[in-house]
Amino acid sequence: MKQGGGQDGRSPPQAQYASHIHVEDDRDPVLSKVSASDTVFVQAVCNSFNSAGLAIDGDWGSATQAAWQDLNDAWRYDTSTCDPFTSVSAYRQWLNYVMAHGFADAKAADAIYTASDCYG
């Protein structure tokens, strides 16, 4: 009997997605708080770019929500007009922030990416 949810029966289910983003074919590519792989990705982004100190557990709880808001505030990403949970284009814009800061190896406060319609 398998003890864990991962493919090897030992690791947690999100461990199989540790090196990539997993998007289901049956939904639009928007961010989802109920998706463990989306949540793990957001938690890692918050930790990497804004030193959030989150557990990478795939659970979108109050700590992840607060870290998410802090990150977007630091980036000046306006979630009130650009909602990556409902809009494909807003999610793409948010991913542009992630990519720009990742390629620049910059913290969120450095505000590397400002060309977005979502920049407030």
PDB file of N, CA and C in Angstrom:
ATOM      1  N   MET A   1       0.835  -1.175   0.000  1.00  0.00           N
ATOM      2  CA  MET A   1       0.000   0.000   0.000  1.00  0.00           C
ATOM      3  C   MET A   1       0.886   1.246   0.000  1.00  0.00           C
ATOM      4  N   LYS A   2       0.543   2.204  -0.831  1.00  0.00           N
ATOM      5  CA  LYS A   2       1.288   3.449  -0.887  1.00  0.00           C
ATOM      6  C   LYS A   2       0.982   4.298   0.339  1.00  0.00           C
ATOM      7  N   GLN A   3       2.020   4.899   0.894  1.00  0.00           N
ATOM      8  CA  GLN A   3       1.851   5.755   2.060  1.00  0.00           C
ATOM      9  C   GLN A   3       1.738   7.222   1.679  1.00  0.00           C
ATOM     10  N   GLY A   4       2.396   7.650   0.616  1.00  0.00           N
ATOM     11  CA  GLY A   4       2.380   9.050   0.205  1.00  0.00           C
ATOM     12  C   GLY A   4       1.588   9.228  -1.067  1.00  0.00           C
ATOM     13  N   GLY A   5       1.410  10.471  -1.470  1.00  0.00           N
ATOM     14  CA  GLY A   5       0.618  10.746  -2.655  1.00  0.00           C
ATOM     15  C   GLY A   5       1.438  10.893  -3.917  1.00  0.00           C
ATOM     16  N   GLY A   6       2.765  10.866  -3.799  1.00  0.00           N
ATOM     17  CA  GLY A   6       3.611  11.024  -4.970  1.00  0.00           C
ATOM     18  C   GLY A   6       3.675   9.756  -5.794  1.00  0.00           C
ATOM     19  N   GLN A   7       4.272   9.836  -6.954  1.00  0.00           N
ATOM     20  CA  GLN A   7       4.341   8.692  -7.853  1.00  0.00           C
ATOM     21  C   GLN A   7       5.121   7.530  -7.250  1.00  0.00           C
ATOM     22  N   ASP A   8       6.061   7.822  -6.373  1.00  0.00           N
ATOM     23  CA  ASP A   8       6.854   6.752  -5.773  1.00  0.00           C
ATOM     24  C   ASP A   8       6.223   6.208  -4.489  1.00  0.00           C
ATOM     25  N   GLY A   9       5.072   6.748  -4.088  1.00  0.00           N
ATOM     26  CA  GLY A   9       4.380   6.286  -2.903  1.00  0.00           C
ATOM     27  C   GLY A   9       4.944   6.810  -1.597  1.00  0.00           C
ATOM     28  N   ARG A  10       6.019   7.582  -1.650  1.00  0.00           N
ATOM     29  CA  ARG A  10       6.648   8.097  -0.431  1.00  0.00           C
ATOM     30  C   ARG A  10       6.608   9.611  -0.343  1.00  0.00           C
ATOM     31  N   SER A  11       6.798  10.274  -1.437  1.00  0.00           N
ATOM     32  CA  SER A  11       6.901  11.725  -1.415  1.00  0.00           C
ATOM     33  C   SER A  11       5.515  12.368  -1.459  1.00  0.00           C
ATOM     34  N   PRO A  12       5.409  13.602  -0.950  1.00  0.00           N
ATOM     35  CA  PRO A  12       4.130  14.295  -1.047  1.00  0.00           C
ATOM     36  C   PRO A  12       3.783  14.548  -2.510  1.00  0.00           C
ATOM     37  N   PRO A  13       2.496  14.692  -2.831  1.00  0.00           N
ATOM     38  CA  PRO A  13       2.104  14.823  -4.231  1.00  0.00           C
ATOM     39  C   PRO A  13       2.773  15.987  -4.954  1.00  0.00           C
ATOM     40  N   GLN A  14       2.993  17.120  -4.274  1.00  0.00           N
ATOM     41  CA  GLN A  14       3.588  18.267  -4.953  1.00  0.00           C
ATOM     42  C   GLN A  14       5.065  18.058  -5.259  1.00  0.00           C
ATOM     43  N   ALA A  15       5.720  17.092  -4.631  1.00  0.00           N
ATOM     44  CA  ALA A  15       7.144  16.858  -4.874  1.00  0.00           C
ATOM     45  C   ALA A  15       7.407  16.478  -6.322  1.00  0.00           C
ATOM     46  N   GLN A  16       6.451  15.835  -6.963  1.00  0.00           N
ATOM     47  CA  GLN A  16       6.651  15.457  -8.356  1.00  0.00           C
ATOM     48  C   GLN A  16       6.660  16.672  -9.285  1.00  0.00           C
ATOM     49  N   TYR A  17       6.231  17.830  -8.784  1.00  0.00           N
ATOM     50  CA  TYR A  17       6.205  19.045  -9.591  1.00  0.00           C
ATOM     51  C   TYR A  17       7.236  20.063  -9.120  1.00  0.00           C
ATOM     52  N   ALA A  18       8.215  19.636  -8.363  1.00  0.00           N
ATOM     53  CA  ALA A  18       9.168  20.560  -7.762  1.00  0.00           C
ATOM     54  C   ALA A  18       9.974  21.340  -8.788  1.00  0.00           C
ATOM     55  N   SER A  19      10.165  20.800  -9.978  1.00  0.00           N
ATOM     56  CA  SER A  19      11.017  21.472 -10.956  1.00  0.00           C
ATOM     57  C   SER A  19      10.249  22.078 -12.121  1.00  0.00           C
ATOM     58  N   HIS A  20       8.929  22.058 -12.060  1.00  0.00           N
ATOM     59  CA  HIS A  20       8.155  22.626 -13.159  1.00  0.00           C
ATOM     60  C   HIS A  20       6.751  22.993 -12.702  1.00  0.00           C
ATOM     61  N   ILE A  21       6.048  23.749 -13.540  1.00  0.00           N
ATOM     62  CA  ILE A  21       4.670  24.143 -13.271  1.00  0.00           C
ATOM     63  C   ILE A  21       3.756  23.162 -13.974  1.00  0.00           C
ATOM     64  N   HIS A  22       2.757  22.702 -13.275  1.00  0.00           N
ATOM     65  CA  HIS A  22       1.797  21.751 -13.839  1.00  0.00           C
ATOM     66  C   HIS A  22       0.464  22.462 -14.055  1.00  0.00           C
ATOM     67  N   VAL A  23      -0.039  22.486 -15.285  1.00  0.00           N
ATOM     68  CA  VAL A  23      -1.324  23.098 -15.604  1.00  0.00           C
ATOM     69  C   VAL A  23      -2.245  22.023 -16.144  1.00  0.00           C
ATOM     70  N   GLU A  24      -3.424  21.928 -15.566  1.00  0.00           N
ATOM     71  CA  GLU A  24      -4.401  20.948 -16.030  1.00  0.00           C
ATOM     72  C   GLU A  24      -4.936  21.355 -17.399  1.00  0.00           C
ATOM     73  N   ASP A  25      -5.221  20.362 -18.237  1.00  0.00           N
ATOM     74  CA  ASP A  25      -5.746  20.638 -19.573  1.00  0.00           C
ATOM     75  C   ASP A  25      -7.195  21.092 -19.556  1.00  0.00           C
ATOM     76  N   ASP A  26      -7.910  20.824 -18.481  1.00  0.00           N
ATOM     77  CA  ASP A  26      -9.340  21.098 -18.467  1.00  0.00           C
ATOM     78  C   ASP A  26      -9.707  22.449 -17.857  1.00  0.00           C
ATOM     79  N   ARG A  27      -8.751  23.335 -17.658  1.00  0.00           N
ATOM     80  CA  ARG A  27      -9.074  24.662 -17.142  1.00  0.00           C
ATOM     81  C   ARG A  27      -8.201  25.704 -17.819  1.00  0.00           C
ATOM     82  N   ASP A  28      -8.690  26.950 -17.779  1.00  0.00           N
ATOM     83  CA  ASP A  28      -7.897  28.044 -18.327  1.00  0.00           C
ATOM     84  C   ASP A  28      -6.627  28.204 -17.499  1.00  0.00           C
ATOM     85  N   PRO A  29      -5.557  28.650 -18.151  1.00  0.00           N
ATOM     86  CA  PRO A  29      -4.317  28.842 -17.402  1.00  0.00           C
ATOM     87  C   PRO A  29      -4.375  30.110 -16.549  1.00  0.00           C
ATOM     88  N   VAL A  30      -5.098  30.010 -15.451  1.00  0.00           N
ATOM     89  CA  VAL A  30      -5.140  31.065 -14.449  1.00  0.00           C
ATOM     90  C   VAL A  30      -4.647  30.463 -13.139  1.00  0.00           C
ATOM     91  N   LEU A  31      -4.292  31.319 -12.231  1.00  0.00           N
ATOM     92  CA  LEU A  31      -3.816  30.876 -10.933  1.00  0.00           C
ATOM     93  C   LEU A  31      -4.982  30.318 -10.120  1.00  0.00           C
ATOM     94  N   SER A  32      -4.731  29.274  -9.350  1.00  0.00           N
ATOM     95  CA  SER A  32      -5.782  28.649  -8.549  1.00  0.00           C
ATOM     96  C   SER A  32      -5.293  28.408  -7.124  1.00  0.00           C
ATOM     97  N   LYS A  33      -6.071  28.894  -6.165  1.00  0.00           N
ATOM     98  CA  LYS A  33      -5.723  28.687  -4.757  1.00  0.00           C
ATOM     99  C   LYS A  33      -5.970  27.252  -4.304  1.00  0.00           C
ATOM    100  N   VAL A  34      -6.764  26.498  -5.056  1.00  0.00           N
ATOM    101  CA  VAL A  34      -7.041  25.108  -4.675  1.00  0.00           C
ATOM    102  C   VAL A  34      -6.085  24.120  -5.333  1.00  0.00           C
ATOM    103  N   SER A  35      -5.259  24.599  -6.250  1.00  0.00           N
ATOM    104  CA  SER A  35      -4.272  23.749  -6.909  1.00  0.00           C
ATOM    105  C   SER A  35      -2.996  23.712  -6.066  1.00  0.00           C
ATOM    106  N   ALA A  36      -2.608  22.520  -5.637  1.00  0.00           N
ATOM    107  CA  ALA A  36      -1.386  22.384  -4.839  1.00  0.00           C
ATOM    108  C   ALA A  36      -0.163  22.840  -5.628  1.00  0.00           C
ATOM    109  N   SER A  37      -0.106  22.519  -6.924  1.00  0.00           N
ATOM    110  CA  SER A  37       1.074  22.906  -7.706  1.00  0.00           C
ATOM    111  C   SER A  37       1.135  24.417  -7.902  1.00  0.00           C
ATOM    112  N   ASP A  38      -0.010  25.075  -8.118  1.00  0.00           N
ATOM    113  CA  ASP A  38      -0.016  26.537  -8.217  1.00  0.00           C
ATOM    114  C   ASP A  38       0.426  27.156  -6.897  1.00  0.00           C
ATOM    115  N   THR A  39      -0.094  26.618  -5.803  1.00  0.00           N
ATOM    116  CA  THR A  39       0.220  27.159  -4.480  1.00  0.00           C
ATOM    117  C   THR A  39       1.694  26.972  -4.138  1.00  0.00           C
ATOM    118  N   VAL A  40       2.247  25.808  -4.429  1.00  0.00           N
ATOM    119  CA  VAL A  40       3.675  25.567  -4.204  1.00  0.00           C
ATOM    120  C   VAL A  40       4.505  26.578  -4.993  1.00  0.00           C
ATOM    121  N   PHE A  41       4.115  26.832  -6.232  1.00  0.00           N
ATOM    122  CA  PHE A  41       4.824  27.806  -7.065  1.00  0.00           C
ATOM    123  C   PHE A  41       4.766  29.194  -6.434  1.00  0.00           C
ATOM    124  N   VAL A  42       3.582  29.644  -6.037  1.00  0.00           N
ATOM    125  CA  VAL A  42       3.430  30.968  -5.427  1.00  0.00           C
ATOM    126  C   VAL A  42       4.230  31.045  -4.125  1.00  0.00           C
ATOM    127  N   GLN A  43       4.179  30.010  -3.313  1.00  0.00           N
ATOM    128  CA  GLN A  43       4.944  30.004  -2.066  1.00  0.00           C
ATOM    129  C   GLN A  43       6.441  30.140  -2.335  1.00  0.00           C
ATOM    130  N   ALA A  44       6.934  29.440  -3.324  1.00  0.00           N
ATOM    131  CA  ALA A  44       8.358  29.530  -3.674  1.00  0.00           C
ATOM    132  C   ALA A  44       8.708  30.920  -4.191  1.00  0.00           C
ATOM    133  N   VAL A  45       7.831  31.510  -4.998  1.00  0.00           N
ATOM    134  CA  VAL A  45       8.058  32.863  -5.513  1.00  0.00           C
ATOM    135  C   VAL A  45       8.084  33.866  -4.359  1.00  0.00           C
ATOM    136  N   CYS A  46       7.129  33.769  -3.448  1.00  0.00           N
ATOM    137  CA  CYS A  46       7.094  34.676  -2.293  1.00  0.00           C
ATOM    138  C   CYS A  46       8.358  34.540  -1.447  1.00  0.00           C
ATOM    139  N   ASN A  47       8.824  33.324  -1.254  1.00  0.00           N
ATOM    140  CA  ASN A  47      10.056  33.102  -0.491  1.00  0.00           C
ATOM    141  C   ASN A  47      11.274  33.643  -1.223  1.00  0.00           C
ATOM    142  N   SER A  48      11.357  33.374  -2.513  1.00  0.00           N
ATOM    143  CA  SER A  48      12.543  33.764  -3.282  1.00  0.00           C
ATOM    144  C   SER A  48      12.670  35.265  -3.463  1.00  0.00           C
ATOM    145  N   PHE A  49      11.562  35.932  -3.756  1.00  0.00           N
ATOM    146  CA  PHE A  49      11.631  37.347  -4.107  1.00  0.00           C
ATOM    147  C   PHE A  49      11.273  38.295  -2.973  1.00  0.00           C
ATOM    148  N   ASN A  50      10.641  37.772  -1.915  1.00  0.00           N
ATOM    149  CA  ASN A  50      10.213  38.671  -0.846  1.00  0.00           C
ATOM    150  C   ASN A  50      10.506  38.102   0.543  1.00  0.00           C
ATOM    151  N   SER A  51      11.361  37.086   0.621  1.00  0.00           N
ATOM    152  CA  SER A  51      11.794  36.500   1.897  1.00  0.00           C
ATOM    153  C   SER A  51      10.629  36.216   2.843  1.00  0.00           C
ATOM    154  N   ALA A  52       9.579  35.588   2.308  1.00  0.00           N
ATOM    155  CA  ALA A  52       8.354  35.372   3.077  1.00  0.00           C
ATOM    156  C   ALA A  52       8.495  34.321   4.172  1.00  0.00           C
ATOM    157  N   GLY A  53       9.396  33.376   4.009  1.00  0.00           N
ATOM    158  CA  GLY A  53       9.580  32.340   5.016  1.00  0.00           C
ATOM    159  C   GLY A  53       8.432  31.348   5.108  1.00  0.00           C
ATOM    160  N   LEU A  54       7.732  31.152   3.999  1.00  0.00           N
ATOM    161  CA  LEU A  54       6.599  30.223   3.978  1.00  0.00           C
ATOM    162  C   LEU A  54       7.058  28.771   3.935  1.00  0.00           C
ATOM    163  N   ALA A  55       6.264  27.903   4.519  1.00  0.00           N
ATOM    164  CA  ALA A  55       6.437  26.466   4.304  1.00  0.00           C
ATOM    165  C   ALA A  55       5.946  26.169   2.893  1.00  0.00           C
ATOM    166  N   ILE A  56       6.693  25.396   2.142  1.00  0.00           N
ATOM    167  CA  ILE A  56       6.282  25.015   0.790  1.00  0.00           C
ATOM    168  C   ILE A  56       5.459  23.738   0.930  1.00  0.00           C
ATOM    169  N   ASP A  57       4.158  23.927   1.206  1.00  0.00           N
ATOM    170  CA  ASP A  57       3.308  22.784   1.520  1.00  0.00           C
ATOM    171  C   ASP A  57       2.101  22.624   0.600  1.00  0.00           C
ATOM    172  N   GLY A  58       1.898  23.566  -0.326  1.00  0.00           N
ATOM    173  CA  GLY A  58       0.780  23.456  -1.257  1.00  0.00           C
ATOM    174  C   GLY A  58      -0.560  23.846  -0.680  1.00  0.00           C
ATOM    175  N   ASP A  59      -0.578  24.380   0.535  1.00  0.00           N
ATOM    176  CA  ASP A  59      -1.819  24.789   1.188  1.00  0.00           C
ATOM    177  C   ASP A  59      -1.927  26.307   1.172  1.00  0.00           C
ATOM    178  N   TRP A  60      -2.958  26.828   0.486  1.00  0.00           N
ATOM    179  CA  TRP A  60      -3.151  28.280   0.420  1.00  0.00           C
ATOM    180  C   TRP A  60      -3.896  28.711   1.677  1.00  0.00           C
ATOM    181  N   GLY A  61      -3.146  28.971   2.722  1.00  0.00           N
ATOM    182  CA  GLY A  61      -3.730  29.416   3.979  1.00  0.00           C
ATOM    183  C   GLY A  61      -3.522  30.908   4.172  1.00  0.00           C
ATOM    184  N   SER A  62      -3.756  31.360   5.386  1.00  0.00           N
ATOM    185  CA  SER A  62      -3.665  32.792   5.677  1.00  0.00           C
ATOM    186  C   SER A  62      -2.236  33.323   5.522  1.00  0.00           C
ATOM    187  N   ALA A  63      -1.234  32.515   5.856  1.00  0.00           N
ATOM    188  CA  ALA A  63       0.156  32.964   5.699  1.00  0.00           C
ATOM    189  C   ALA A  63       0.512  33.139   4.227  1.00  0.00           C
ATOM    190  N   THR A  64       0.072  32.206   3.390  1.00  0.00           N
ATOM    191  CA  THR A  64       0.321  32.327   1.945  1.00  0.00           C
ATOM    192  C   THR A  64      -0.424  33.532   1.388  1.00  0.00           C
ATOM    193  N   GLN A  65      -1.660  33.739   1.812  1.00  0.00           N
ATOM    194  CA  GLN A  65      -2.437  34.889   1.341  1.00  0.00           C
ATOM    195  C   GLN A  65      -1.746  36.198   1.707  1.00  0.00           C
ATOM    196  N   ALA A  66      -1.272  36.302   2.946  1.00  0.00           N
ATOM    197  CA  ALA A  66      -0.583  37.520   3.379  1.00  0.00           C
ATOM    198  C   ALA A  66       0.719  37.726   2.607  1.00  0.00           C
ATOM    199  N   ALA A  67       1.475  36.652   2.399  1.00  0.00           N
ATOM    200  CA  ALA A  67       2.733  36.751   1.646  1.00  0.00           C
ATOM    201  C   ALA A  67       2.466  37.125   0.194  1.00  0.00           C
ATOM    202  N   TRP A  68       1.404  36.569  -0.385  1.00  0.00           N
ATOM    203  CA  TRP A  68       0.988  36.898  -1.756  1.00  0.00           C
ATOM    204  C   TRP A  68       0.702  38.399  -1.872  1.00  0.00           C
ATOM    205  N   GLN A  69      -0.053  38.935  -0.925  1.00  0.00           N
ATOM    206  CA  GLN A  69      -0.395  40.356  -0.968  1.00  0.00           C
ATOM    207  C   GLN A  69       0.839  41.224  -0.756  1.00  0.00           C
ATOM    208  N   ASP A  70       1.703  40.834   0.184  1.00  0.00           N
ATOM    209  CA  ASP A  70       2.942  41.586   0.423  1.00  0.00           C
ATOM    210  C   ASP A  70       3.812  41.629  -0.830  1.00  0.00           C
ATOM    211  N   LEU A  71       3.933  40.492  -1.514  1.00  0.00           N
ATOM    212  CA  LEU A  71       4.730  40.426  -2.740  1.00  0.00           C
ATOM    213  C   LEU A  71       4.165  41.360  -3.801  1.00  0.00           C
ATOM    214  N   ASN A  72       2.858  41.292  -4.017  1.00  0.00           N
ATOM    215  CA  ASN A  72       2.244  42.137  -5.037  1.00  0.00           C
ATOM    216  C   ASN A  72       2.313  43.610  -4.673  1.00  0.00           C
ATOM    217  N   ASP A  73       2.204  43.929  -3.391  1.00  0.00           N
ATOM    218  CA  ASP A  73       2.375  45.316  -2.954  1.00  0.00           C
ATOM    219  C   ASP A  73       3.795  45.797  -3.250  1.00  0.00           C
ATOM    220  N   ALA A  74       4.791  44.950  -2.972  1.00  0.00           N
ATOM    221  CA  ALA A  74       6.186  45.322  -3.242  1.00  0.00           C
ATOM    222  C   ALA A  74       6.419  45.535  -4.732  1.00  0.00           C
ATOM    223  N   TRP A  75       5.781  44.699  -5.557  1.00  0.00           N
ATOM    224  CA  TRP A  75       5.908  44.830  -7.010  1.00  0.00           C
ATOM    225  C   TRP A  75       5.041  45.942  -7.570  1.00  0.00           C
ATOM    226  N   ARG A  76       4.118  46.445  -6.758  1.00  0.00           N
ATOM    227  CA  ARG A  76       3.099  47.399  -7.210  1.00  0.00           C
ATOM    228  C   ARG A  76       2.240  46.771  -8.302  1.00  0.00           C
ATOM    229  N   TYR A  77       2.007  45.468  -8.169  1.00  0.00           N
ATOM    230  CA  TYR A  77       1.105  44.739  -9.060  1.00  0.00           C
ATOM    231  C   TYR A  77      -0.301  44.910  -8.500  1.00  0.00           C
ATOM    232  N   ASP A  78      -1.180  45.525  -9.283  1.00  0.00           N
ATOM    233  CA  ASP A  78      -2.524  45.886  -8.830  1.00  0.00           C
ATOM    234  C   ASP A  78      -3.495  44.724  -9.014  1.00  0.00           C
ATOM    235  N   THR A  79      -3.689  43.942  -7.955  1.00  0.00           N
ATOM    236  CA  THR A  79      -4.582  42.786  -8.039  1.00  0.00           C
ATOM    237  C   THR A  79      -6.050  43.184  -8.096  1.00  0.00           C
ATOM    238  N   SER A  80      -6.375  44.437  -7.792  1.00  0.00           N
ATOM    239  CA  SER A  80      -7.778  44.862  -7.876  1.00  0.00           C
ATOM    240  C   SER A  80      -8.221  45.046  -9.326  1.00  0.00           C
ATOM    241  N   THR A  81      -7.299  45.360 -10.206  1.00  0.00           N
ATOM    242  CA  THR A  81      -7.642  45.513 -11.628  1.00  0.00           C
ATOM    243  C   THR A  81      -7.100  44.380 -12.492  1.00  0.00           C
ATOM    244  N   CYS A  82      -6.108  43.666 -12.006  1.00  0.00           N
ATOM    245  CA  CYS A  82      -5.500  42.558 -12.752  1.00  0.00           C
ATOM    246  C   CYS A  82      -5.510  41.318 -11.867  1.00  0.00           C
ATOM    247  N   ASP A  83      -6.547  40.513 -11.992  1.00  0.00           N
ATOM    248  CA  ASP A  83      -6.733  39.361 -11.116  1.00  0.00           C
ATOM    249  C   ASP A  83      -6.254  38.080 -11.791  1.00  0.00           C
ATOM    250  N   PRO A  84      -5.088  37.564 -11.405  1.00  0.00           N
ATOM    251  CA  PRO A  84      -4.559  36.357 -12.039  1.00  0.00           C
ATOM    252  C   PRO A  84      -5.344  35.088 -11.702  1.00  0.00           C
ATOM    253  N   PHE A  85      -6.320  35.199 -10.807  1.00  0.00           N
ATOM    254  CA  PHE A  85      -7.167  34.049 -10.474  1.00  0.00           C
ATOM    255  C   PHE A  85      -8.355  33.924 -11.419  1.00  0.00           C
ATOM    256  N   THR A  86      -8.655  35.000 -12.161  1.00  0.00           N
ATOM    257  CA  THR A  86      -9.810  34.972 -13.067  1.00  0.00           C
ATOM    258  C   THR A  86      -9.469  35.322 -14.507  1.00  0.00           C
ATOM    259  N   SER A  87      -8.332  35.943 -14.730  1.00  0.00           N
ATOM    260  CA  SER A  87      -7.976  36.429 -16.061  1.00  0.00           C
ATOM    261  C   SER A  87      -6.682  35.792 -16.564  1.00  0.00           C
ATOM    262  N   VAL A  88      -6.762  35.186 -17.741  1.00  0.00           N
ATOM    263  CA  VAL A  88      -5.573  34.592 -18.363  1.00  0.00           C
ATOM    264  C   VAL A  88      -4.521  35.666 -18.612  1.00  0.00           C
ATOM    265  N   SER A  89      -4.929  36.817 -19.146  1.00  0.00           N
ATOM    266  CA  SER A  89      -3.960  37.874 -19.452  1.00  0.00           C
ATOM    267  C   SER A  89      -3.336  38.441 -18.174  1.00  0.00           C
ATOM    268  N   ALA A  90      -4.113  38.555 -17.104  1.00  0.00           N
ATOM    269  CA  ALA A  90      -3.553  39.037 -15.834  1.00  0.00           C
ATOM    270  C   ALA A  90      -2.545  38.033 -15.271  1.00  0.00           C
ATOM    271  N   TYR A  91      -2.833  36.742 -15.415  1.00  0.00           N
ATOM    272  CA  TYR A  91      -1.883  35.722 -14.943  1.00  0.00           C
ATOM    273  C   TYR A  91      -0.597  35.793 -15.760  1.00  0.00           C
ATOM    274  N   ARG A  92      -0.720  36.003 -17.054  1.00  0.00           N
ATOM    275  CA  ARG A  92       0.483  36.152 -17.886  1.00  0.00           C
ATOM    276  C   ARG A  92       1.294  37.359 -17.442  1.00  0.00           C
ATOM    277  N   GLN A  93       0.615  38.463 -17.134  1.00  0.00           N
ATOM    278  CA  GLN A  93       1.314  39.657 -16.662  1.00  0.00           C
ATOM    279  C   GLN A  93       2.034  39.367 -15.345  1.00  0.00           C
ATOM    280  N   TRP A  94       1.356  38.646 -14.438  1.00  0.00           N
ATOM    281  CA  TRP A  94       1.977  38.312 -13.159  1.00  0.00           C
ATOM    282  C   TRP A  94       3.215  37.442 -13.381  1.00  0.00           C
ATOM    283  N   LEU A  95       3.108  36.486 -14.307  1.00  0.00           N
ATOM    284  CA  LEU A  95       4.265  35.642 -14.626  1.00  0.00           C
ATOM    285  C   LEU A  95       5.402  36.464 -15.225  1.00  0.00           C
ATOM    286  N   ASN A  96       5.081  37.545 -15.947  1.00  0.00           N
ATOM    287  CA  ASN A  96       6.126  38.439 -16.451  1.00  0.00           C
ATOM    288  C   ASN A  96       6.898  39.074 -15.293  1.00  0.00           C
ATOM    289  N   TYR A  97       6.202  39.438 -14.226  1.00  0.00           N
ATOM    290  CA  TYR A  97       6.875  39.962 -13.038  1.00  0.00           C
ATOM    291  C   TYR A  97       7.827  38.909 -12.474  1.00  0.00           C
ATOM    292  N   VAL A  98       7.341  37.677 -12.373  1.00  0.00           N
ATOM    293  CA  VAL A  98       8.171  36.584 -11.851  1.00  0.00           C
ATOM    294  C   VAL A  98       9.410  36.407 -12.724  1.00  0.00           C
ATOM    295  N   MET A  99       9.206  36.338 -14.030  1.00  0.00           N
ATOM    296  CA  MET A  99      10.340  36.129 -14.943  1.00  0.00           C
ATOM    297  C   MET A  99      11.334  37.277 -14.882  1.00  0.00           C
ATOM    298  N   ALA A 100      10.848  38.515 -14.910  1.00  0.00           N
ATOM    299  CA  ALA A 100      11.749  39.668 -14.900  1.00  0.00           C
ATOM    300  C   ALA A 100      12.613  39.685 -13.643  1.00  0.00           C
ATOM    301  N   HIS A 101      12.007  39.431 -12.502  1.00  0.00           N
ATOM    302  CA  HIS A 101      12.774  39.428 -11.257  1.00  0.00           C
ATOM    303  C   HIS A 101      13.694  38.216 -11.165  1.00  0.00           C
ATOM    304  N   GLY A 102      13.247  37.091 -11.695  1.00  0.00           N
ATOM    305  CA  GLY A 102      14.085  35.894 -11.694  1.00  0.00           C
ATOM    306  C   GLY A 102      15.313  36.055 -12.563  1.00  0.00           C
ATOM    307  N   PHE A 103      15.106  36.558 -13.780  1.00  0.00           N
ATOM    308  CA  PHE A 103      16.242  36.746 -14.684  1.00  0.00           C
ATOM    309  C   PHE A 103      17.213  37.797 -14.152  1.00  0.00           C
ATOM    310  N   ALA A 104      16.683  38.803 -13.455  1.00  0.00           N
ATOM    311  CA  ALA A 104      17.536  39.853 -12.901  1.00  0.00           C
ATOM    312  C   ALA A 104      18.116  39.459 -11.543  1.00  0.00           C
ATOM    313  N   ASP A 105      17.659  38.317 -11.001  1.00  0.00           N
ATOM    314  CA  ASP A 105      18.062  37.882  -9.668  1.00  0.00           C
ATOM    315  C   ASP A 105      17.851  39.012  -8.668  1.00  0.00           C
ATOM    316  N   ALA A 106      16.636  39.587  -8.725  1.00  0.00           N
ATOM    317  CA  ALA A 106      16.322  40.762  -7.923  1.00  0.00           C
ATOM    318  C   ALA A 106      15.184  40.482  -6.948  1.00  0.00           C
ATOM    319  N   LYS A 107      15.221  41.127  -5.814  1.00  0.00           N
ATOM    320  CA  LYS A 107      14.149  41.036  -4.831  1.00  0.00           C
ATOM    321  C   LYS A 107      12.959  41.870  -5.309  1.00  0.00           C
ATOM    322  N   ALA A 108      11.798  41.601  -4.737  1.00  0.00           N
ATOM    323  CA  ALA A 108      10.567  42.277  -5.149  1.00  0.00           C
ATOM    324  C   ALA A 108      10.667  43.789  -5.008  1.00  0.00           C
ATOM    325  N   ALA A 109      11.295  44.249  -3.945  1.00  0.00           N
ATOM    326  CA  ALA A 109      11.374  45.685  -3.691  1.00  0.00           C
ATOM    327  C   ALA A 109      12.152  46.438  -4.763  1.00  0.00           C
ATOM    328  N   ASP A 110      12.929  45.724  -5.560  1.00  0.00           N
ATOM    329  CA  ASP A 110      13.699  46.382  -6.614  1.00  0.00           C
ATOM    330  C   ASP A 110      12.833  46.840  -7.778  1.00  0.00           C
ATOM    331  N   ALA A 111      11.587  46.367  -7.856  1.00  0.00           N
ATOM    332  CA  ALA A 111      10.625  46.781  -8.885  1.00  0.00           C
ATOM    333  C   ALA A 111      11.253  46.823 -10.280  1.00  0.00           C
ATOM    334  N   ILE A 112      11.773  45.698 -10.726  1.00  0.00           N
ATOM    335  CA  ILE A 112      12.433  45.579 -12.022  1.00  0.00           C
ATOM    336  C   ILE A 112      11.454  45.775 -13.172  1.00  0.00           C
ATOM    337  N   TYR A 113      10.268  45.189 -13.040  1.00  0.00           N
ATOM    338  CA  TYR A 113       9.308  45.148 -14.143  1.00  0.00           C
ATOM    339  C   TYR A 113       8.199  46.156 -13.897  1.00  0.00           C
ATOM    340  N   THR A 114       8.101  47.163 -14.771  1.00  0.00           N
ATOM    341  CA  THR A 114       7.071  48.192 -14.611  1.00  0.00           C
ATOM    342  C   THR A 114       6.297  48.439 -15.894  1.00  0.00           C
ATOM    343  N   ALA A 115       6.512  47.626 -16.915  1.00  0.00           N
ATOM    344  CA  ALA A 115       5.891  47.861 -18.216  1.00  0.00           C
ATOM    345  C   ALA A 115       4.472  47.310 -18.311  1.00  0.00           C
ATOM    346  N   SER A 116       3.993  46.694 -17.271  1.00  0.00           N
ATOM    347  CA  SER A 116       2.701  46.026 -17.282  1.00  0.00           C
ATOM    348  C   SER A 116       1.543  46.999 -17.127  1.00  0.00           C
ATOM    349  N   ASP A 117       0.397  46.642 -17.707  1.00  0.00           N
ATOM    350  CA  ASP A 117      -0.839  47.386 -17.476  1.00  0.00           C
ATOM    351  C   ASP A 117      -1.287  47.224 -16.029  1.00  0.00           C
ATOM    352  N   CYS A 118      -0.727  46.256 -15.346  1.00  0.00           N
ATOM    353  CA  CYS A 118      -1.104  45.952 -13.968  1.00  0.00           C
ATOM    354  C   CYS A 118      -0.257  46.711 -12.957  1.00  0.00           C
ATOM    355  N   TYR A 119       0.720  47.480 -13.426  1.00  0.00           N
ATOM    356  CA  TYR A 119       1.609  48.216 -12.528  1.00  0.00           C
ATOM    357  C   TYR A 119       0.853  49.405 -11.966  1.00  0.00           C
ATOM    358  N   GLY A 120       0.788  49.486 -10.631  1.00  0.00           N
ATOM    359  CA  GLY A 120       0.023  50.555  -9.988  1.00  0.00           C
ATOM    360  C   GLY A 120       0.899  51.568  -9.446  1.00  0.00           C
TER     361      GLY A 120
END
